[in-house]
Amino acid sequence: MDSVYHVLKVIHVIGFVMMSIPLFNLIVVNERVLMGSSFSYATDRYMENIIRHGAVRCYIFQLTVLISGMFLLVFGPLGLQSILTNWVIIIKTAVLFILMGLLSFVHFHLQPRIEELMTTISPDSVIPEGFSARLKPYRVRRKRLATLCLFLVLTTIILGLQVYARFNPIITTALIASVALFSLRVNKTLILFGWI
């Protein structure tokens, strides 16, 4: 039984690592800015394809985390009842559902509006005046939500490390504040050298 539990832990952690899609979407968006502000069909279509297809991947990773997390409780020392009694697990579970909701909002509300605008042009089209301005509100909102998702994923990882042994509250607060600053930084700048 210990082997099953350890394999589940690995699957759970890898699922969370793979949920770093918001980080890479923010990097893609910030890389796009380096190519200028004018709309380029090939470049913008490529970027939108990366972001659009990432949603399905993220759903799979989220479900992996949810299912492996439930099995960890069933096969682990805490038991399934800890989903109602362990504040770290309660928060982790709530954040996972918030992440699923945010992803659904982007995937089913914002992205279709971007796609609707993108289908009005083709590679050979003359880009209508103001086209970029019409795309911008959806892209800005999506970028803000990706920043929030990145913050939530990283915060959940910090909390996940405390399921069995709690950190000092000051350390937890400092780590979460650092994650917030990092998420904002990734939103605003292209992080060429990882953390730096």
N, C-alpha and C. Protein backbone atom coordinates (compact mmCIF):
# COMPACT_ATOMS: atom_id res chain seq x y z
N MET A 1 0.83 -1.20 0.00
CA MET A 1 0.00 0.00 0.00
C MET A 1 0.86 1.26 0.00
N ASP A 2 2.02 1.19 0.67
CA ASP A 2 2.92 2.34 0.68
C ASP A 2 3.37 2.71 -0.73
N SER A 3 3.61 1.71 -1.57
CA SER A 3 4.05 1.97 -2.94
C SER A 3 2.98 2.74 -3.71
N VAL A 4 1.74 2.33 -3.57
CA VAL A 4 0.63 3.03 -4.23
C VAL A 4 0.58 4.48 -3.77
N TYR A 5 0.70 4.67 -2.47
CA TYR A 5 0.65 6.02 -1.90
C TYR A 5 1.78 6.89 -2.46
N HIS A 6 2.99 6.35 -2.55
CA HIS A 6 4.13 7.12 -3.05
C HIS A 6 3.97 7.44 -4.54
N VAL A 7 3.45 6.50 -5.31
CA VAL A 7 3.20 6.75 -6.74
C VAL A 7 2.15 7.85 -6.89
N LEU A 8 1.10 7.80 -6.07
CA LEU A 8 0.06 8.83 -6.11
C LEU A 8 0.64 10.21 -5.78
N LYS A 9 1.56 10.27 -4.81
CA LYS A 9 2.19 11.55 -4.47
C LYS A 9 2.97 12.11 -5.66
N VAL A 10 3.68 11.23 -6.35
CA VAL A 10 4.44 11.68 -7.53
C VAL A 10 3.48 12.20 -8.60
N ILE A 11 2.42 11.45 -8.87
CA ILE A 11 1.43 11.88 -9.88
C ILE A 11 0.82 13.22 -9.48
N HIS A 12 0.49 13.37 -8.21
CA HIS A 12 -0.12 14.61 -7.71
C HIS A 12 0.82 15.80 -7.91
N VAL A 13 2.08 15.64 -7.53
CA VAL A 13 3.05 16.73 -7.66
C VAL A 13 3.31 17.05 -9.13
N ILE A 14 3.45 16.03 -9.96
CA ILE A 14 3.67 16.27 -11.39
C ILE A 14 2.47 16.98 -12.00
N GLY A 15 1.26 16.61 -11.58
CA GLY A 15 0.06 17.31 -12.06
C GLY A 15 0.12 18.79 -11.75
N PHE A 16 0.56 19.13 -10.53
CA PHE A 16 0.69 20.54 -10.17
C PHE A 16 1.77 21.23 -10.98
N VAL A 17 2.88 20.56 -11.19
CA VAL A 17 3.95 21.14 -11.99
C VAL A 17 3.45 21.45 -13.39
N MET A 18 2.69 20.55 -13.96
CA MET A 18 2.16 20.75 -15.30
C MET A 18 1.11 21.87 -15.36
N MET A 19 0.56 22.21 -14.21
CA MET A 19 -0.41 23.31 -14.18
C MET A 19 0.28 24.67 -14.26
N SER A 20 1.55 24.68 -14.60
CA SER A 20 2.27 25.95 -14.76
C SER A 20 1.98 26.60 -16.11
N ILE A 21 0.97 26.12 -16.80
CA ILE A 21 0.58 26.68 -18.10
C ILE A 21 0.37 28.19 -18.03
N PRO A 22 -0.23 28.76 -16.96
CA PRO A 22 -0.35 30.23 -16.92
C PRO A 22 1.00 30.94 -17.02
N LEU A 23 2.03 30.38 -16.40
CA LEU A 23 3.36 30.98 -16.48
C LEU A 23 3.82 31.04 -17.94
N PHE A 24 3.69 29.93 -18.63
CA PHE A 24 4.19 29.88 -20.00
C PHE A 24 3.31 30.68 -20.96
N ASN A 25 2.01 30.77 -20.68
CA ASN A 25 1.16 31.65 -21.50
C ASN A 25 1.56 33.11 -21.31
N LEU A 26 1.88 33.49 -20.08
CA LEU A 26 2.33 34.87 -19.84
C LEU A 26 3.66 35.13 -20.55
N ILE A 27 4.54 34.15 -20.56
CA ILE A 27 5.81 34.30 -21.27
C ILE A 27 5.55 34.47 -22.77
N VAL A 28 4.66 33.65 -23.33
CA VAL A 28 4.32 33.75 -24.76
C VAL A 28 3.77 35.13 -25.08
N VAL A 29 2.85 35.62 -24.26
CA VAL A 29 2.25 36.93 -24.50
C VAL A 29 3.30 38.04 -24.42
N ASN A 30 4.19 37.95 -23.43
CA ASN A 30 5.23 38.97 -23.30
C ASN A 30 6.27 38.87 -24.42
N GLU A 31 6.53 37.67 -24.92
CA GLU A 31 7.41 37.52 -26.09
C GLU A 31 6.76 38.17 -27.31
N ARG A 32 5.44 38.02 -27.43
CA ARG A 32 4.71 38.62 -28.57
C ARG A 32 4.88 40.13 -28.59
N VAL A 33 4.89 40.75 -27.42
CA VAL A 33 5.06 42.20 -27.33
C VAL A 33 6.37 42.65 -27.95
N LEU A 34 7.39 41.82 -27.86
CA LEU A 34 8.69 42.17 -28.44
C LEU A 34 8.64 42.32 -29.96
N MET A 35 7.60 41.76 -30.57
CA MET A 35 7.48 41.80 -32.03
C MET A 35 6.70 43.02 -32.52
N GLY A 36 6.37 43.91 -31.60
CA GLY A 36 5.66 45.13 -31.99
C GLY A 36 4.19 45.04 -31.66
N SER A 37 3.56 46.20 -31.66
CA SER A 37 2.15 46.25 -31.26
C SER A 37 1.19 46.04 -32.43
N SER A 38 1.66 46.15 -33.66
CA SER A 38 0.75 45.98 -34.78
C SER A 38 0.39 44.50 -34.96
N PHE A 39 -0.82 44.28 -35.43
CA PHE A 39 -1.32 42.92 -35.59
C PHE A 39 -0.62 42.23 -36.76
N SER A 40 -0.18 41.02 -36.52
CA SER A 40 0.43 40.19 -37.57
C SER A 40 -0.32 38.87 -37.56
N TYR A 41 -1.00 38.56 -38.65
CA TYR A 41 -1.87 37.39 -38.67
C TYR A 41 -1.12 36.13 -38.25
N ALA A 42 0.00 35.85 -38.89
CA ALA A 42 0.73 34.60 -38.62
C ALA A 42 1.18 34.53 -37.16
N THR A 43 1.74 35.60 -36.67
CA THR A 43 2.24 35.63 -35.29
C THR A 43 1.10 35.53 -34.29
N ASP A 44 0.06 36.32 -34.49
CA ASP A 44 -1.06 36.34 -33.54
C ASP A 44 -1.87 35.05 -33.59
N ARG A 45 -2.03 34.48 -34.79
CA ARG A 45 -2.74 33.21 -34.90
C ARG A 45 -1.97 32.11 -34.17
N TYR A 46 -0.64 32.10 -34.34
CA TYR A 46 0.21 31.11 -33.69
C TYR A 46 0.10 31.24 -32.17
N MET A 47 0.17 32.46 -31.66
CA MET A 47 0.07 32.70 -30.22
C MET A 47 -1.30 32.25 -29.70
N GLU A 48 -2.36 32.59 -30.40
CA GLU A 48 -3.71 32.21 -29.96
C GLU A 48 -3.89 30.70 -29.98
N ASN A 49 -3.28 30.01 -30.94
CA ASN A 49 -3.37 28.55 -30.97
C ASN A 49 -2.70 27.94 -29.75
N ILE A 50 -1.53 28.46 -29.38
CA ILE A 50 -0.83 27.96 -28.20
C ILE A 50 -1.71 28.13 -26.96
N ILE A 51 -2.27 29.31 -26.79
CA ILE A 51 -3.08 29.60 -25.61
C ILE A 51 -4.37 28.79 -25.61
N ARG A 52 -5.04 28.75 -26.76
CA ARG A 52 -6.32 28.04 -26.85
C ARG A 52 -6.17 26.55 -26.55
N HIS A 53 -5.16 25.93 -27.13
CA HIS A 53 -4.97 24.49 -26.93
C HIS A 53 -4.45 24.16 -25.53
N GLY A 54 -3.86 25.14 -24.86
CA GLY A 54 -3.37 24.92 -23.49
C GLY A 54 -4.49 24.68 -22.50
N ALA A 55 -5.69 25.16 -22.80
CA ALA A 55 -6.81 25.01 -21.87
C ALA A 55 -7.17 23.54 -21.66
N VAL A 56 -7.24 22.78 -22.73
CA VAL A 56 -7.59 21.36 -22.61
C VAL A 56 -6.52 20.63 -21.80
N ARG A 57 -5.26 20.95 -22.08
CA ARG A 57 -4.17 20.34 -21.32
C ARG A 57 -4.33 20.66 -19.83
N CYS A 58 -4.64 21.91 -19.54
CA CYS A 58 -4.76 22.33 -18.15
C CYS A 58 -5.92 21.62 -17.45
N TYR A 59 -7.04 21.42 -18.15
CA TYR A 59 -8.15 20.65 -17.57
C TYR A 59 -7.69 19.25 -17.18
N ILE A 60 -6.92 18.61 -18.06
CA ILE A 60 -6.44 17.25 -17.78
C ILE A 60 -5.54 17.26 -16.54
N PHE A 61 -4.64 18.25 -16.45
CA PHE A 61 -3.74 18.33 -15.30
C PHE A 61 -4.53 18.62 -14.02
N GLN A 62 -5.54 19.49 -14.12
CA GLN A 62 -6.37 19.79 -12.94
C GLN A 62 -7.12 18.54 -12.47
N LEU A 63 -7.67 17.79 -13.41
CA LEU A 63 -8.37 16.55 -13.03
C LEU A 63 -7.40 15.53 -12.44
N THR A 64 -6.19 15.49 -12.98
CA THR A 64 -5.16 14.60 -12.42
C THR A 64 -4.88 14.95 -10.97
N VAL A 65 -4.75 16.25 -10.70
CA VAL A 65 -4.50 16.71 -9.33
C VAL A 65 -5.68 16.37 -8.43
N LEU A 66 -6.89 16.62 -8.91
CA LEU A 66 -8.08 16.35 -8.10
C LEU A 66 -8.21 14.86 -7.78
N ILE A 67 -8.11 14.02 -8.79
CA ILE A 67 -8.29 12.58 -8.59
C ILE A 67 -7.16 12.00 -7.75
N SER A 68 -5.92 12.36 -8.07
CA SER A 68 -4.79 11.82 -7.29
C SER A 68 -4.86 12.33 -5.85
N GLY A 69 -5.31 13.58 -5.65
CA GLY A 69 -5.46 14.12 -4.30
C GLY A 69 -6.49 13.35 -3.49
N MET A 70 -7.60 13.01 -4.13
CA MET A 70 -8.63 12.23 -3.42
C MET A 70 -8.09 10.85 -3.05
N PHE A 71 -7.39 10.21 -3.98
CA PHE A 71 -6.81 8.89 -3.68
C PHE A 71 -5.73 8.98 -2.61
N LEU A 72 -4.97 10.09 -2.59
CA LEU A 72 -3.97 10.28 -1.53
C LEU A 72 -4.64 10.30 -0.15
N LEU A 73 -5.80 10.93 -0.09
CA LEU A 73 -6.52 10.98 1.18
C LEU A 73 -7.05 9.59 1.56
N VAL A 74 -7.56 8.87 0.56
CA VAL A 74 -8.10 7.54 0.83
C VAL A 74 -7.01 6.57 1.28
N PHE A 75 -5.86 6.57 0.58
CA PHE A 75 -4.80 5.61 0.87
C PHE A 75 -3.77 6.13 1.88
N GLY A 76 -3.86 7.40 2.23
CA GLY A 76 -2.86 7.98 3.13
C GLY A 76 -3.29 8.00 4.58
N PRO A 77 -2.44 8.54 5.41
CA PRO A 77 -2.71 8.55 6.85
C PRO A 77 -3.79 9.53 7.28
N LEU A 78 -4.09 10.52 6.46
CA LEU A 78 -5.06 11.54 6.88
C LEU A 78 -6.50 11.11 6.71
N GLY A 79 -6.80 10.29 5.73
CA GLY A 79 -8.16 9.84 5.51
C GLY A 79 -8.99 10.86 4.75
N LEU A 80 -10.05 10.38 4.15
CA LEU A 80 -10.92 11.22 3.33
C LEU A 80 -11.60 12.32 4.15
N GLN A 81 -11.83 12.08 5.43
CA GLN A 81 -12.50 13.09 6.27
C GLN A 81 -11.65 14.36 6.41
N SER A 82 -10.35 14.26 6.13
CA SER A 82 -9.48 15.44 6.28
C SER A 82 -9.81 16.54 5.28
N ILE A 83 -10.60 16.19 4.25
CA ILE A 83 -11.02 17.22 3.30
C ILE A 83 -11.97 18.20 3.99
N LEU A 84 -12.49 17.81 5.15
CA LEU A 84 -13.37 18.68 5.92
C LEU A 84 -12.74 19.18 7.22
N THR A 85 -11.58 18.60 7.60
CA THR A 85 -11.00 18.95 8.89
C THR A 85 -9.61 19.58 8.82
N ASN A 86 -8.88 19.37 7.74
CA ASN A 86 -7.52 19.88 7.60
C ASN A 86 -7.57 21.18 6.78
N TRP A 87 -7.27 22.32 7.42
CA TRP A 87 -7.45 23.61 6.75
C TRP A 87 -6.59 23.73 5.49
N VAL A 88 -5.42 23.11 5.46
CA VAL A 88 -4.57 23.18 4.26
C VAL A 88 -5.25 22.46 3.10
N ILE A 89 -5.79 21.29 3.37
CA ILE A 89 -6.46 20.52 2.31
C ILE A 89 -7.75 21.22 1.87
N ILE A 90 -8.45 21.81 2.82
CA ILE A 90 -9.66 22.57 2.47
C ILE A 90 -9.32 23.71 1.52
N ILE A 91 -8.28 24.48 1.85
CA ILE A 91 -7.88 25.62 1.00
C ILE A 91 -7.38 25.13 -0.35
N LYS A 92 -6.53 24.08 -0.35
CA LYS A 92 -6.02 23.53 -1.62
C LYS A 92 -7.17 23.10 -2.52
N THR A 93 -8.16 22.43 -1.95
CA THR A 93 -9.30 21.94 -2.74
C THR A 93 -10.11 23.12 -3.27
N ALA A 94 -10.36 24.10 -2.42
CA ALA A 94 -11.12 25.29 -2.86
C ALA A 94 -10.38 26.02 -3.98
N VAL A 95 -9.07 26.18 -3.83
CA VAL A 95 -8.29 26.87 -4.86
C VAL A 95 -8.31 26.09 -6.17
N LEU A 96 -8.24 24.77 -6.09
CA LEU A 96 -8.31 23.97 -7.32
C LEU A 96 -9.63 24.21 -8.05
N PHE A 97 -10.72 24.26 -7.31
CA PHE A 97 -12.01 24.52 -7.95
C PHE A 97 -12.09 25.96 -8.49
N ILE A 98 -11.48 26.90 -7.80
CA ILE A 98 -11.42 28.27 -8.31
C ILE A 98 -10.62 28.29 -9.62
N LEU A 99 -9.49 27.58 -9.65
CA LEU A 99 -8.69 27.50 -10.88
C LEU A 99 -9.50 26.90 -12.03
N MET A 100 -10.27 25.86 -11.73
CA MET A 100 -11.11 25.25 -12.76
C MET A 100 -12.15 26.25 -13.27
N GLY A 101 -12.70 27.02 -12.35
CA GLY A 101 -13.68 28.03 -12.74
C GLY A 101 -13.06 29.14 -13.59
N LEU A 102 -11.89 29.61 -13.20
CA LEU A 102 -11.21 30.65 -13.97
C LEU A 102 -10.84 30.14 -15.37
N LEU A 103 -10.34 28.91 -15.44
CA LEU A 103 -10.01 28.33 -16.74
C LEU A 103 -11.26 28.21 -17.60
N SER A 104 -12.35 27.79 -17.00
CA SER A 104 -13.61 27.67 -17.75
C SER A 104 -14.08 29.02 -18.26
N PHE A 105 -13.95 30.07 -17.44
CA PHE A 105 -14.34 31.41 -17.87
C PHE A 105 -13.50 31.84 -19.07
N VAL A 106 -12.20 31.61 -19.01
CA VAL A 106 -11.34 31.99 -20.12
C VAL A 106 -11.66 31.16 -21.35
N HIS A 107 -11.77 29.85 -21.16
CA HIS A 107 -11.94 28.93 -22.30
C HIS A 107 -13.31 29.06 -22.96
N PHE A 108 -14.35 29.28 -22.17
CA PHE A 108 -15.70 29.30 -22.73
C PHE A 108 -16.27 30.70 -22.93
N HIS A 109 -15.61 31.72 -22.39
CA HIS A 109 -16.13 33.08 -22.54
C HIS A 109 -15.15 33.99 -23.29
N LEU A 110 -13.94 34.14 -22.76
CA LEU A 110 -13.01 35.09 -23.39
C LEU A 110 -12.42 34.56 -24.70
N GLN A 111 -11.92 33.33 -24.68
CA GLN A 111 -11.27 32.80 -25.87
C GLN A 111 -12.21 32.73 -27.08
N PRO A 112 -13.47 32.33 -26.92
CA PRO A 112 -14.37 32.34 -28.09
C PRO A 112 -14.56 33.73 -28.69
N ARG A 113 -14.52 34.77 -27.86
CA ARG A 113 -14.66 36.13 -28.41
C ARG A 113 -13.42 36.52 -29.21
N ILE A 114 -12.26 36.11 -28.71
CA ILE A 114 -11.03 36.35 -29.46
C ILE A 114 -11.06 35.58 -30.76
N GLU A 115 -11.47 34.32 -30.70
CA GLU A 115 -11.54 33.48 -31.90
C GLU A 115 -12.55 34.03 -32.91
N GLU A 116 -13.65 34.55 -32.39
CA GLU A 116 -14.68 35.14 -33.27
C GLU A 116 -14.10 36.30 -34.06
N LEU A 117 -13.33 37.14 -33.39
CA LEU A 117 -12.68 38.26 -34.09
C LEU A 117 -11.63 37.75 -35.07
N MET A 118 -10.86 36.76 -34.65
CA MET A 118 -9.79 36.24 -35.50
C MET A 118 -10.32 35.60 -36.78
N THR A 119 -11.51 35.01 -36.72
CA THR A 119 -12.06 34.35 -37.91
C THR A 119 -12.55 35.34 -38.96
N THR A 120 -12.64 36.61 -38.59
CA THR A 120 -13.08 37.62 -39.57
C THR A 120 -11.97 38.01 -40.53
N ILE A 121 -10.77 37.55 -40.28
CA ILE A 121 -9.65 37.85 -41.18
C ILE A 121 -8.95 36.56 -41.58
N SER A 122 -8.16 36.65 -42.63
CA SER A 122 -7.38 35.50 -43.11
C SER A 122 -5.95 35.96 -43.31
N PRO A 123 -5.05 35.03 -43.63
CA PRO A 123 -3.65 35.43 -43.83
C PRO A 123 -3.47 36.49 -44.92
N ASP A 124 -4.36 36.49 -45.90
CA ASP A 124 -4.23 37.44 -47.01
C ASP A 124 -5.04 38.72 -46.82
N SER A 125 -5.80 38.79 -45.74
CA SER A 125 -6.67 39.95 -45.52
C SER A 125 -5.87 41.21 -45.21
N VAL A 126 -6.46 42.31 -45.57
CA VAL A 126 -5.97 43.59 -45.07
C VAL A 126 -6.58 43.74 -43.69
N ILE A 127 -5.74 43.99 -42.71
CA ILE A 127 -6.22 44.08 -41.33
C ILE A 127 -7.04 45.36 -41.18
N PRO A 128 -8.30 45.23 -40.76
CA PRO A 128 -9.14 46.42 -40.60
C PRO A 128 -8.58 47.37 -39.55
N GLU A 129 -8.82 48.63 -39.76
CA GLU A 129 -8.36 49.63 -38.79
C GLU A 129 -9.06 49.39 -37.45
N GLY A 130 -8.29 49.45 -36.39
CA GLY A 130 -8.82 49.26 -35.05
C GLY A 130 -8.99 47.80 -34.64
N PHE A 131 -8.51 46.88 -35.47
CA PHE A 131 -8.67 45.46 -35.15
C PHE A 131 -7.96 45.10 -33.84
N SER A 132 -6.73 45.55 -33.70
CA SER A 132 -5.98 45.26 -32.47
C SER A 132 -6.68 45.84 -31.25
N ALA A 133 -7.27 47.01 -31.41
CA ALA A 133 -7.97 47.65 -30.30
C ALA A 133 -9.20 46.84 -29.88
N ARG A 134 -9.83 46.17 -30.83
CA ARG A 134 -10.99 45.33 -30.50
C ARG A 134 -10.57 44.05 -29.78
N LEU A 135 -9.38 43.53 -30.10
CA LEU A 135 -8.86 42.34 -29.44
C LEU A 135 -8.35 42.63 -28.03
N LYS A 136 -7.80 43.82 -27.87
CA LYS A 136 -7.06 44.16 -26.65
C LYS A 136 -7.82 43.93 -25.35
N PRO A 137 -9.08 44.35 -25.20
CA PRO A 137 -9.75 44.15 -23.90
C PRO A 137 -9.83 42.68 -23.49
N TYR A 138 -10.07 41.79 -24.44
CA TYR A 138 -10.15 40.36 -24.13
C TYR A 138 -8.78 39.82 -23.75
N ARG A 139 -7.76 40.25 -24.48
CA ARG A 139 -6.41 39.78 -24.20
C ARG A 139 -5.90 40.30 -22.85
N VAL A 140 -6.21 41.54 -22.54
CA VAL A 140 -5.78 42.11 -21.26
C VAL A 140 -6.45 41.37 -20.11
N ARG A 141 -7.74 41.12 -20.24
CA ARG A 141 -8.47 40.40 -19.19
C ARG A 141 -7.93 38.98 -19.03
N ARG A 142 -7.67 38.32 -20.14
CA ARG A 142 -7.12 36.96 -20.10
C ARG A 142 -5.75 36.95 -19.43
N LYS A 143 -4.94 37.97 -19.72
CA LYS A 143 -3.60 38.05 -19.12
C LYS A 143 -3.70 38.26 -17.61
N ARG A 144 -4.62 39.09 -17.18
CA ARG A 144 -4.82 39.30 -15.74
C ARG A 144 -5.26 38.00 -15.04
N LEU A 145 -6.15 37.27 -15.70
CA LEU A 145 -6.61 36.01 -15.11
C LEU A 145 -5.51 34.96 -15.09
N ALA A 146 -4.65 34.97 -16.12
CA ALA A 146 -3.50 34.05 -16.12
C ALA A 146 -2.55 34.38 -14.96
N THR A 147 -2.40 35.67 -14.68
CA THR A 147 -1.56 36.10 -13.55
C THR A 147 -2.15 35.61 -12.24
N LEU A 148 -3.46 35.75 -12.08
CA LEU A 148 -4.14 35.27 -10.88
C LEU A 148 -3.98 33.75 -10.76
N CYS A 149 -4.16 33.04 -11.88
CA CYS A 149 -4.02 31.58 -11.86
C CYS A 149 -2.61 31.16 -11.47
N LEU A 150 -1.61 31.85 -12.00
CA LEU A 150 -0.23 31.54 -11.64
C LEU A 150 -0.03 31.72 -10.14
N PHE A 151 -0.53 32.83 -9.61
CA PHE A 151 -0.44 33.08 -8.16
C PHE A 151 -1.11 31.95 -7.37
N LEU A 152 -2.30 31.54 -7.79
CA LEU A 152 -3.04 30.51 -7.07
C LEU A 152 -2.34 29.15 -7.15
N VAL A 153 -1.79 28.82 -8.31
CA VAL A 153 -1.07 27.54 -8.44
C VAL A 153 0.14 27.52 -7.52
N LEU A 154 0.93 28.59 -7.55
CA LEU A 154 2.13 28.63 -6.71
C LEU A 154 1.78 28.67 -5.22
N THR A 155 0.72 29.37 -4.86
CA THR A 155 0.28 29.40 -3.46
C THR A 155 -0.17 28.01 -3.02
N THR A 156 -0.87 27.31 -3.89
CA THR A 156 -1.32 25.95 -3.56
C THR A 156 -0.14 25.02 -3.35
N ILE A 157 0.91 25.19 -4.14
CA ILE A 157 2.10 24.36 -3.95
C ILE A 157 2.73 24.65 -2.58
N ILE A 158 2.80 25.93 -2.22
CA ILE A 158 3.35 26.30 -0.91
C ILE A 158 2.51 25.65 0.21
N LEU A 159 1.20 25.70 0.07
CA LEU A 159 0.34 25.09 1.07
C LEU A 159 0.45 23.57 1.04
N GLY A 160 0.61 23.00 -0.16
CA GLY A 160 0.72 21.56 -0.28
C GLY A 160 1.90 20.98 0.47
N LEU A 161 2.95 21.77 0.56
CA LEU A 161 4.12 21.34 1.31
C LEU A 161 3.85 21.30 2.82
N GLN A 162 2.69 21.85 3.22
CA GLN A 162 2.37 21.94 4.63
C GLN A 162 1.21 21.04 5.06
N VAL A 163 0.87 20.07 4.23
CA VAL A 163 -0.23 19.17 4.57
C VAL A 163 0.09 18.41 5.86
N TYR A 164 1.32 17.97 6.02
CA TYR A 164 1.70 17.17 7.19
C TYR A 164 2.45 17.97 8.25
N ALA A 165 3.22 18.95 7.85
CA ALA A 165 4.00 19.75 8.80
C ALA A 165 3.91 21.21 8.40
N ARG A 166 3.37 22.03 9.27
CA ARG A 166 3.16 23.45 8.98
C ARG A 166 4.46 24.24 9.10
N PHE A 167 4.58 25.23 8.22
CA PHE A 167 5.67 26.20 8.33
C PHE A 167 5.28 27.22 9.39
N ASN A 168 6.25 27.98 9.82
CA ASN A 168 5.98 29.14 10.66
C ASN A 168 5.07 30.07 9.84
N PRO A 169 4.01 30.63 10.44
CA PRO A 169 3.10 31.51 9.69
C PRO A 169 3.82 32.68 9.00
N ILE A 170 4.88 33.17 9.61
CA ILE A 170 5.63 34.28 9.00
C ILE A 170 6.29 33.81 7.70
N ILE A 171 6.83 32.59 7.72
CA ILE A 171 7.46 32.05 6.52
C ILE A 171 6.40 31.83 5.43
N THR A 172 5.26 31.26 5.81
CA THR A 172 4.19 31.04 4.84
C THR A 172 3.74 32.36 4.22
N THR A 173 3.54 33.37 5.06
CA THR A 173 3.12 34.69 4.57
C THR A 173 4.17 35.28 3.64
N ALA A 174 5.44 35.17 4.03
CA ALA A 174 6.53 35.71 3.20
C ALA A 174 6.60 34.98 1.86
N LEU A 175 6.43 33.67 1.87
CA LEU A 175 6.46 32.90 0.61
C LEU A 175 5.29 33.28 -0.30
N ILE A 176 4.12 33.42 0.27
CA ILE A 176 2.95 33.79 -0.53
C ILE A 176 3.10 35.21 -1.07
N ALA A 177 3.66 36.12 -0.27
CA ALA A 177 3.92 37.48 -0.75
C ALA A 177 4.93 37.45 -1.90
N SER A 178 5.95 36.61 -1.77
CA SER A 178 6.95 36.47 -2.84
C SER A 178 6.33 35.95 -4.13
N VAL A 179 5.43 34.99 -3.97
CA VAL A 179 4.71 34.44 -5.12
C VAL A 179 3.86 35.52 -5.78
N ALA A 180 3.22 36.36 -4.98
CA ALA A 180 2.42 37.46 -5.53
C ALA A 180 3.29 38.42 -6.32
N LEU A 181 4.42 38.78 -5.76
CA LEU A 181 5.34 39.69 -6.46
C LEU A 181 5.86 39.06 -7.75
N PHE A 182 6.21 37.77 -7.69
CA PHE A 182 6.69 37.09 -8.88
C PHE A 182 5.61 37.05 -9.96
N SER A 183 4.37 36.75 -9.58
CA SER A 183 3.26 36.68 -10.54
C SER A 183 3.04 38.03 -11.21
N LEU A 184 3.08 39.10 -10.42
CA LEU A 184 2.93 40.44 -10.99
C LEU A 184 4.08 40.78 -11.93
N ARG A 185 5.28 40.35 -11.55
CA ARG A 185 6.46 40.61 -12.38
C ARG A 185 6.35 39.88 -13.72
N VAL A 186 5.89 38.62 -13.67
CA VAL A 186 5.72 37.85 -14.90
C VAL A 186 4.66 38.49 -15.79
N ASN A 187 3.65 39.10 -15.18
CA ASN A 187 2.62 39.79 -15.95
C ASN A 187 3.19 40.99 -16.68
N LYS A 188 4.08 41.71 -16.03
CA LYS A 188 4.57 42.99 -16.56
C LYS A 188 5.82 42.89 -17.43
N THR A 189 6.65 41.87 -17.20
CA THR A 189 7.94 41.82 -17.90
C THR A 189 8.20 40.44 -18.45
N LEU A 190 9.12 40.39 -19.38
CA LEU A 190 9.58 39.12 -19.91
C LEU A 190 10.71 38.63 -19.02
N ILE A 191 10.48 37.53 -18.35
CA ILE A 191 11.50 37.04 -17.41
C ILE A 191 12.53 36.22 -18.19
N LEU A 192 13.53 36.89 -18.67
CA LEU A 192 14.53 36.25 -19.52
C LEU A 192 15.39 35.24 -18.79
N PHE A 193 15.62 35.45 -17.51
CA PHE A 193 16.52 34.59 -16.76
C PHE A 193 15.81 33.89 -15.60
N GLY A 194 14.64 33.32 -15.88
CA GLY A 194 13.91 32.58 -14.86
C GLY A 194 13.38 33.48 -13.76
N TRP A 195 13.88 33.30 -12.55
CA TRP A 195 13.41 34.08 -11.42
C TRP A 195 13.80 35.55 -11.56
N ILE A 196 14.86 35.81 -12.27
CA ILE A 196 15.42 37.17 -12.34
C ILE A 196 14.72 37.98 -13.43
